Amino acid sequence: MLTVLPIVVGALYAMGFYMLLRRSMLKLIIGLALIGQATNLLIFVAASGSGLVRGGPPIIAATERIPGAIADPVPQALILTAIVIGFGVLAFALVLFDRTYDCVGTDDLDEMRETER
């Protein structure tokens, strides 16, 4: 499992950058979403330390001792925040794409550049 997750993160980054280099605006938005998900997975994997282990909840009573394996809530909270922000950026990009497609009539970025002249 420890070797699969870095390969998945690398594959998501590669697919995202490949989609960013395409001429279609819709593919650019898909690439942006893939890079966002790859970053979330990278933070999750990097924050787990020595690997992903099942731990207890991070809620510990004041009288108890800290057990060996507990879940770290900080990376989970950061990833949850990043997912919400990423969804907002993706929704904004899709609305912007829809409006641009209605005005210009194409999603090709090179043809959009020609309309500026």
C-alpha atoms as a PDB file:
ATOM      1  CA  MET A   1       0.000   0.000   0.000  1.00  0.00           C
ATOM      2  CA  LEU A   2       2.895   2.334   0.672  1.00  0.00           C
ATOM      3  CA  THR A   3       4.190   1.978  -2.874  1.00  0.00           C
ATOM      4  CA  VAL A   4       0.793   2.231  -4.568  1.00  0.00           C
ATOM      5  CA  LEU A   5      -0.189   5.644  -3.194  1.00  0.00           C
ATOM      6  CA  PRO A   6       2.890   7.553  -4.467  1.00  0.00           C
ATOM      7  CA  ILE A   7       2.365   5.964  -7.880  1.00  0.00           C
ATOM      8  CA  VAL A   8      -1.284   7.077  -7.847  1.00  0.00           C
ATOM      9  CA  VAL A   9      -0.267  10.613  -6.825  1.00  0.00           C
ATOM     10  CA  GLY A  10       2.319  10.745  -9.618  1.00  0.00           C
ATOM     11  CA  ALA A  11      -0.174   9.422 -12.154  1.00  0.00           C
ATOM     12  CA  LEU A  12      -2.777  12.017 -11.120  1.00  0.00           C
ATOM     13  CA  TYR A  13      -0.213  14.813 -11.433  1.00  0.00           C
ATOM     14  CA  ALA A  14       0.897  13.514 -14.839  1.00  0.00           C
ATOM     15  CA  MET A  15      -2.682  13.278 -16.119  1.00  0.00           C
ATOM     16  CA  GLY A  16      -3.475  16.727 -14.727  1.00  0.00           C
ATOM     17  CA  PHE A  17      -0.467  18.385 -16.356  1.00  0.00           C
ATOM     18  CA  TYR A  18      -1.191  16.586 -19.631  1.00  0.00           C
ATOM     19  CA  MET A  19      -4.757  17.912 -19.566  1.00  0.00           C
ATOM     20  CA  LEU A  20      -3.501  21.429 -18.780  1.00  0.00           C
ATOM     21  CA  LEU A  21      -1.421  21.393 -21.959  1.00  0.00           C
ATOM     22  CA  ARG A  22      -4.405  20.658 -24.219  1.00  0.00           C
ATOM     23  CA  ARG A  23      -6.005  23.399 -26.311  1.00  0.00           C
ATOM     24  CA  SER A  24      -9.538  22.827 -25.062  1.00  0.00           C
ATOM     25  CA  MET A  25     -10.729  24.941 -22.165  1.00  0.00           C
ATOM     26  CA  LEU A  26     -12.835  22.089 -20.786  1.00  0.00           C
ATOM     27  CA  LYS A  27      -9.795  19.804 -20.679  1.00  0.00           C
ATOM     28  CA  LEU A  28      -7.914  22.552 -18.852  1.00  0.00           C
ATOM     29  CA  ILE A  29     -10.618  22.594 -16.175  1.00  0.00           C
ATOM     30  CA  ILE A  30     -10.476  18.791 -15.855  1.00  0.00           C
ATOM     31  CA  GLY A  31      -6.693  19.003 -15.475  1.00  0.00           C
ATOM     32  CA  LEU A  32      -7.107  21.602 -12.746  1.00  0.00           C
ATOM     33  CA  ALA A  33      -9.451  19.262 -10.876  1.00  0.00           C
ATOM     34  CA  LEU A  34      -7.045  16.322 -11.238  1.00  0.00           C
ATOM     35  CA  ILE A  35      -4.126  18.346  -9.882  1.00  0.00           C
ATOM     36  CA  GLY A  36      -6.262  19.447  -6.937  1.00  0.00           C
ATOM     37  CA  GLN A  37      -7.164  15.860  -6.075  1.00  0.00           C
ATOM     38  CA  ALA A  38      -3.529  14.765  -6.464  1.00  0.00           C
ATOM     39  CA  THR A  39      -2.459  17.476  -4.036  1.00  0.00           C
ATOM     40  CA  ASN A  40      -5.089  16.397  -1.500  1.00  0.00           C
ATOM     41  CA  LEU A  41      -3.905  12.802  -1.727  1.00  0.00           C
ATOM     42  CA  LEU A  42      -0.270  13.918  -1.428  1.00  0.00           C
ATOM     43  CA  ILE A  43      -1.002  15.844   1.774  1.00  0.00           C
ATOM     44  CA  PHE A  44      -2.893  12.881   3.176  1.00  0.00           C
ATOM     45  CA  VAL A  45      -0.096  10.423   2.397  1.00  0.00           C
ATOM     46  CA  ALA A  46       2.695  12.718   3.586  1.00  0.00           C
ATOM     47  CA  ALA A  47       0.945  13.511   6.854  1.00  0.00           C
ATOM     48  CA  SER A  48       0.463   9.891   7.776  1.00  0.00           C
ATOM     49  CA  GLY A  49       4.154   9.586   8.687  1.00  0.00           C
ATOM     50  CA  SER A  50       5.247   5.982   8.590  1.00  0.00           C
ATOM     51  CA  GLY A  51       2.334   4.874   6.469  1.00  0.00           C
ATOM     52  CA  LEU A  52      -1.411   4.632   6.618  1.00  0.00           C
ATOM     53  CA  VAL A  53      -2.478   2.824   9.771  1.00  0.00           C
ATOM     54  CA  ARG A  54      -5.873   2.441  11.320  1.00  0.00           C
ATOM     55  CA  GLY A  55      -5.939   4.399  14.506  1.00  0.00           C
ATOM     56  CA  GLY A  56      -8.527   5.331  17.045  1.00  0.00           C
ATOM     57  CA  PRO A  57     -10.378   8.625  16.995  1.00  0.00           C
ATOM     58  CA  PRO A  58      -8.348  11.655  18.097  1.00  0.00           C
ATOM     59  CA  ILE A  59     -10.706  12.272  21.046  1.00  0.00           C
ATOM     60  CA  ILE A  60      -9.001  11.369  24.306  1.00  0.00           C
ATOM     61  CA  ALA A  61     -10.325  12.031  27.783  1.00  0.00           C
ATOM     62  CA  ALA A  62      -8.173  14.083  30.140  1.00  0.00           C
ATOM     63  CA  THR A  63      -7.634  11.128  32.475  1.00  0.00           C
ATOM     64  CA  GLU A  64      -6.562   8.662  29.763  1.00  0.00           C
ATOM     65  CA  ARG A  65      -3.093   8.018  28.428  1.00  0.00           C
ATOM     66  CA  ILE A  66      -2.425   8.606  24.725  1.00  0.00           C
ATOM     67  CA  PRO A  67      -2.604   5.279  22.881  1.00  0.00           C
ATOM     68  CA  GLY A  68      -0.026   4.282  20.296  1.00  0.00           C
ATOM     69  CA  ALA A  69      -2.010   4.842  17.098  1.00  0.00           C
ATOM     70  CA  ILE A  70      -4.429   7.734  16.853  1.00  0.00           C
ATOM     71  CA  ALA A  71      -5.668   9.600  13.817  1.00  0.00           C
ATOM     72  CA  ASP A  72      -4.142  13.041  13.236  1.00  0.00           C
ATOM     73  CA  PRO A  73      -7.032  15.494  12.739  1.00  0.00           C
ATOM     74  CA  VAL A  74      -4.990  18.401  11.334  1.00  0.00           C
ATOM     75  CA  PRO A  75      -4.219  16.956   7.871  1.00  0.00           C
ATOM     76  CA  GLN A  76      -7.780  15.692   7.616  1.00  0.00           C
ATOM     77  CA  ALA A  77      -9.111  19.178   8.372  1.00  0.00           C
ATOM     78  CA  LEU A  78      -6.718  20.736   5.850  1.00  0.00           C
ATOM     79  CA  ILE A  79      -7.772  18.285   3.158  1.00  0.00           C
ATOM     80  CA  LEU A  80     -11.460  18.852   3.879  1.00  0.00           C
ATOM     81  CA  THR A  81     -10.930  22.608   3.550  1.00  0.00           C
ATOM     82  CA  ALA A  82      -8.979  22.099   0.319  1.00  0.00           C
ATOM     83  CA  ILE A  83     -11.769  19.945  -1.111  1.00  0.00           C
ATOM     84  CA  VAL A  84     -14.361  22.643  -0.406  1.00  0.00           C
ATOM     85  CA  ILE A  85     -12.185  25.401  -1.868  1.00  0.00           C
ATOM     86  CA  GLY A  86     -11.337  23.238  -4.879  1.00  0.00           C
ATOM     87  CA  PHE A  87     -15.027  22.587  -5.494  1.00  0.00           C
ATOM     88  CA  GLY A  88     -15.700  26.338  -5.408  1.00  0.00           C
ATOM     89  CA  VAL A  89     -12.885  27.060  -7.871  1.00  0.00           C
ATOM     90  CA  LEU A  90     -14.082  24.256 -10.141  1.00  0.00           C
ATOM     91  CA  ALA A  91     -17.671  25.548 -10.079  1.00  0.00           C
ATOM     92  CA  PHE A  92     -16.457  29.074 -10.877  1.00  0.00           C
ATOM     93  CA  ALA A  93     -14.304  27.777 -13.741  1.00  0.00           C
ATOM     94  CA  LEU A  94     -17.229  25.812 -15.208  1.00  0.00           C
ATOM     95  CA  VAL A  95     -19.519  28.861 -15.079  1.00  0.00           C
ATOM     96  CA  LEU A  96     -16.787  30.982 -16.636  1.00  0.00           C
ATOM     97  CA  PHE A  97     -16.333  28.351 -19.344  1.00  0.00           C
ATOM     98  CA  ASP A  98     -20.066  28.285 -20.062  1.00  0.00           C
ATOM     99  CA  ARG A  99     -20.234  32.063 -20.361  1.00  0.00           C
ATOM    100  CA  THR A 100     -17.137  32.189 -22.552  1.00  0.00           C
ATOM    101  CA  TYR A 101     -18.470  29.447 -24.812  1.00  0.00           C
ATOM    102  CA  ASP A 102     -21.766  31.336 -25.199  1.00  0.00           C
ATOM    103  CA  CYS A 103     -19.944  34.548 -26.190  1.00  0.00           C
ATOM    104  CA  VAL A 104     -17.160  33.163 -28.380  1.00  0.00           C
ATOM    105  CA  GLY A 105     -18.743  29.954 -29.684  1.00  0.00           C
ATOM    106  CA  THR A 106     -15.683  27.743 -29.220  1.00  0.00           C
ATOM    107  CA  ASP A 107     -13.657  26.168 -26.447  1.00  0.00           C
ATOM    108  CA  ASP A 108     -10.359  26.198 -28.369  1.00  0.00           C
ATOM    109  CA  LEU A 109      -7.939  28.500 -26.578  1.00  0.00           C
ATOM    110  CA  ASP A 110      -6.071  29.426 -29.772  1.00  0.00           C
ATOM    111  CA  GLU A 111      -9.282  30.566 -31.454  1.00  0.00           C
ATOM    112  CA  MET A 112     -10.175  32.585 -28.363  1.00  0.00           C
ATOM    113  CA  ARG A 113      -6.829  34.340 -28.633  1.00  0.00           C
ATOM    114  CA  GLU A 114      -7.652  35.300 -32.227  1.00  0.00           C
ATOM    115  CA  THR A 115     -10.868  37.005 -31.136  1.00  0.00           C
ATOM    116  CA  GLU A 116      -8.890  39.471 -28.998  1.00  0.00           C
ATOM    117  CA  ARG A 117      -7.292  41.133 -32.041  1.00  0.00           C
END
